[in-house]
C-alpha atoms as a PDB file:
ATOM      1  CA  MET A   1       0.060  -0.104   0.156  1.00  0.00           C
ATOM      2  CA  SER A   2       2.994   2.362   0.534  1.00  0.00           C
ATOM      3  CA  ASN A   3       3.701   2.377  -3.093  1.00  0.00           C
ATOM      4  CA  GLU A   4       0.362   3.741  -3.795  1.00  0.00           C
ATOM      5  CA  ILE A   5       0.758   6.425  -1.315  1.00  0.00           C
ATOM      6  CA  PHE A   6       4.191   7.446  -2.732  1.00  0.00           C
ATOM      7  CA  LEU A   7       2.748   7.540  -6.342  1.00  0.00           C
ATOM      8  CA  ASN A   8      -0.488   9.291  -5.180  1.00  0.00           C
ATOM      9  CA  MET A   9       1.611  12.012  -3.579  1.00  0.00           C
ATOM     10  CA  LEU A  10       3.704  12.605  -6.627  1.00  0.00           C
ATOM     11  CA  ARG A  11       0.799  12.500  -8.920  1.00  0.00           C
ATOM     12  CA  LYS A  12      -1.197  15.279  -6.984  1.00  0.00           C
ATOM     13  CA  ASN A  13       1.903  17.438  -6.432  1.00  0.00           C
ATOM     14  CA  LYS A  14       2.882  17.017 -10.205  1.00  0.00           C
ATOM     15  CA  ASP A  15       6.368  16.369  -9.122  1.00  0.00           C
ATOM     16  CA  LYS A  16       8.940  15.480 -12.003  1.00  0.00           C
ATOM     17  CA  VAL A  17      10.176  12.132 -11.680  1.00  0.00           C
ATOM     18  CA  VAL A  18      12.688   9.895 -13.480  1.00  0.00           C
ATOM     19  CA  ILE A  19      11.554   6.252 -14.170  1.00  0.00           C
ATOM     20  CA  PHE A  20      14.504   3.833 -14.550  1.00  0.00           C
ATOM     21  CA  MET A  21      13.246   0.579 -16.576  1.00  0.00           C
ATOM     22  CA  THR A  22      14.657  -2.529 -15.822  1.00  0.00           C
ATOM     23  CA  ASN A  23      16.140  -2.489 -19.556  1.00  0.00           C
ATOM     24  CA  GLY A  24      18.342   0.422 -18.576  1.00  0.00           C
ATOM     25  CA  ALA A  25      16.170   2.969 -20.078  1.00  0.00           C
ATOM     26  CA  GLU A  26      14.999   6.164 -18.449  1.00  0.00           C
ATOM     27  CA  ARG A  27      11.780   8.209 -18.717  1.00  0.00           C
ATOM     28  CA  GLU A  28      11.304  11.581 -17.369  1.00  0.00           C
ATOM     29  CA  GLY A  29       8.007  13.306 -16.588  1.00  0.00           C
ATOM     30  CA  VAL A  30       4.990  13.967 -14.449  1.00  0.00           C
ATOM     31  CA  ILE A  31       2.889  11.160 -13.158  1.00  0.00           C
ATOM     32  CA  VAL A  32      -0.950  11.651 -14.519  1.00  0.00           C
ATOM     33  CA  SER A  33      -2.297   8.431 -13.452  1.00  0.00           C
ATOM     34  CA  PHE A  34      -1.575   4.707 -12.263  1.00  0.00           C
ATOM     35  CA  ASP A  35      -3.334   1.404 -11.478  1.00  0.00           C
ATOM     36  CA  PRO A  36      -1.902  -1.700  -9.904  1.00  0.00           C
ATOM     37  CA  PHE A  37      -0.224  -2.779 -13.296  1.00  0.00           C
ATOM     38  CA  SER A  38       0.789   0.483 -15.212  1.00  0.00           C
ATOM     39  CA  ILE A  39       1.909   4.117 -14.761  1.00  0.00           C
ATOM     40  CA  VAL A  40       0.835   6.903 -17.212  1.00  0.00           C
ATOM     41  CA  ILE A  41       3.389  10.009 -17.260  1.00  0.00           C
ATOM     42  CA  LEU A  42       3.288  13.046 -19.417  1.00  0.00           C
ATOM     43  CA  ASP A  43       6.698  13.231 -20.791  1.00  0.00           C
ATOM     44  CA  ILE A  44       8.852  16.046 -21.402  1.00  0.00           C
ATOM     45  CA  ASN A  45       7.562  16.485 -24.976  1.00  0.00           C
ATOM     46  CA  ASN A  46       4.111  16.574 -23.710  1.00  0.00           C
ATOM     47  CA  ASN A  47       3.338  12.853 -24.701  1.00  0.00           C
ATOM     48  CA  GLN A  48       1.342  10.601 -22.835  1.00  0.00           C
ATOM     49  CA  VAL A  49       3.374   7.404 -22.057  1.00  0.00           C
ATOM     50  CA  LEU A  50       2.067   4.146 -20.475  1.00  0.00           C
ATOM     51  CA  ILE A  51       4.585   2.314 -18.709  1.00  0.00           C
ATOM     52  CA  GLN A  52       4.136  -1.339 -17.290  1.00  0.00           C
ATOM     53  CA  ARG A  53       4.789  -1.581 -13.510  1.00  0.00           C
ATOM     54  CA  SER A  54       6.751  -4.862 -14.104  1.00  0.00           C
ATOM     55  CA  ALA A  55       9.143  -2.931 -16.294  1.00  0.00           C
ATOM     56  CA  ILE A  56      10.186  -0.325 -13.687  1.00  0.00           C
ATOM     57  CA  SER A  57      13.303  -0.672 -11.481  1.00  0.00           C
ATOM     58  CA  GLU A  58      13.135   2.668  -9.672  1.00  0.00           C
ATOM     59  CA  ILE A  59      11.091   5.960  -9.375  1.00  0.00           C
ATOM     60  CA  GLU A  60      13.305   8.859  -8.542  1.00  0.00           C
ATOM     61  CA  PRO A  61      11.446  12.104  -7.676  1.00  0.00           C
ATOM     62  CA  GLN A  62      13.012  15.462  -8.565  1.00  0.00           C
ATOM     63  CA  THR A  63      11.869  16.959  -5.379  1.00  0.00           C
ATOM     64  CA  ARG A  64      12.089  15.595  -2.015  1.00  0.00           C
ATOM     65  CA  VAL A  65       9.180  13.640  -0.876  1.00  0.00           C
ATOM     66  CA  ASN A  66       8.502  14.499   2.879  1.00  0.00           C
ATOM     67  CA  TYR A  67       7.287  12.152   5.436  1.00  0.00           C
ATOM     68  CA  ILE A  68       4.652   9.807   3.807  1.00  0.00           C
ATOM     69  CA  PHE A  69       4.713   6.541   5.885  1.00  0.00           C
ATOM     70  CA  SER A  70       3.218   6.198   9.263  1.00  0.00           C
ATOM     71  CA  ASP A  71       5.322   4.233  12.077  1.00  0.00           C
ATOM     72  CA  SER A  72       2.502   1.920  12.637  1.00  0.00           C
END
């Protein structure tokens, strides 16, 4: 569930992210939407891109994400 909180915070804040793919490619943009299997971003060329979550190795926000996880 914490992945959903993290992604939703990035989406709501319209934070730029770099998505690192398992094949070594990188995509940069803003998260528009997501579901359990995919993420849609608006890339730097203003194109919507659908990315399968299984192809993602890392998501790096361009701005610091403050406390999002509870201690419980």
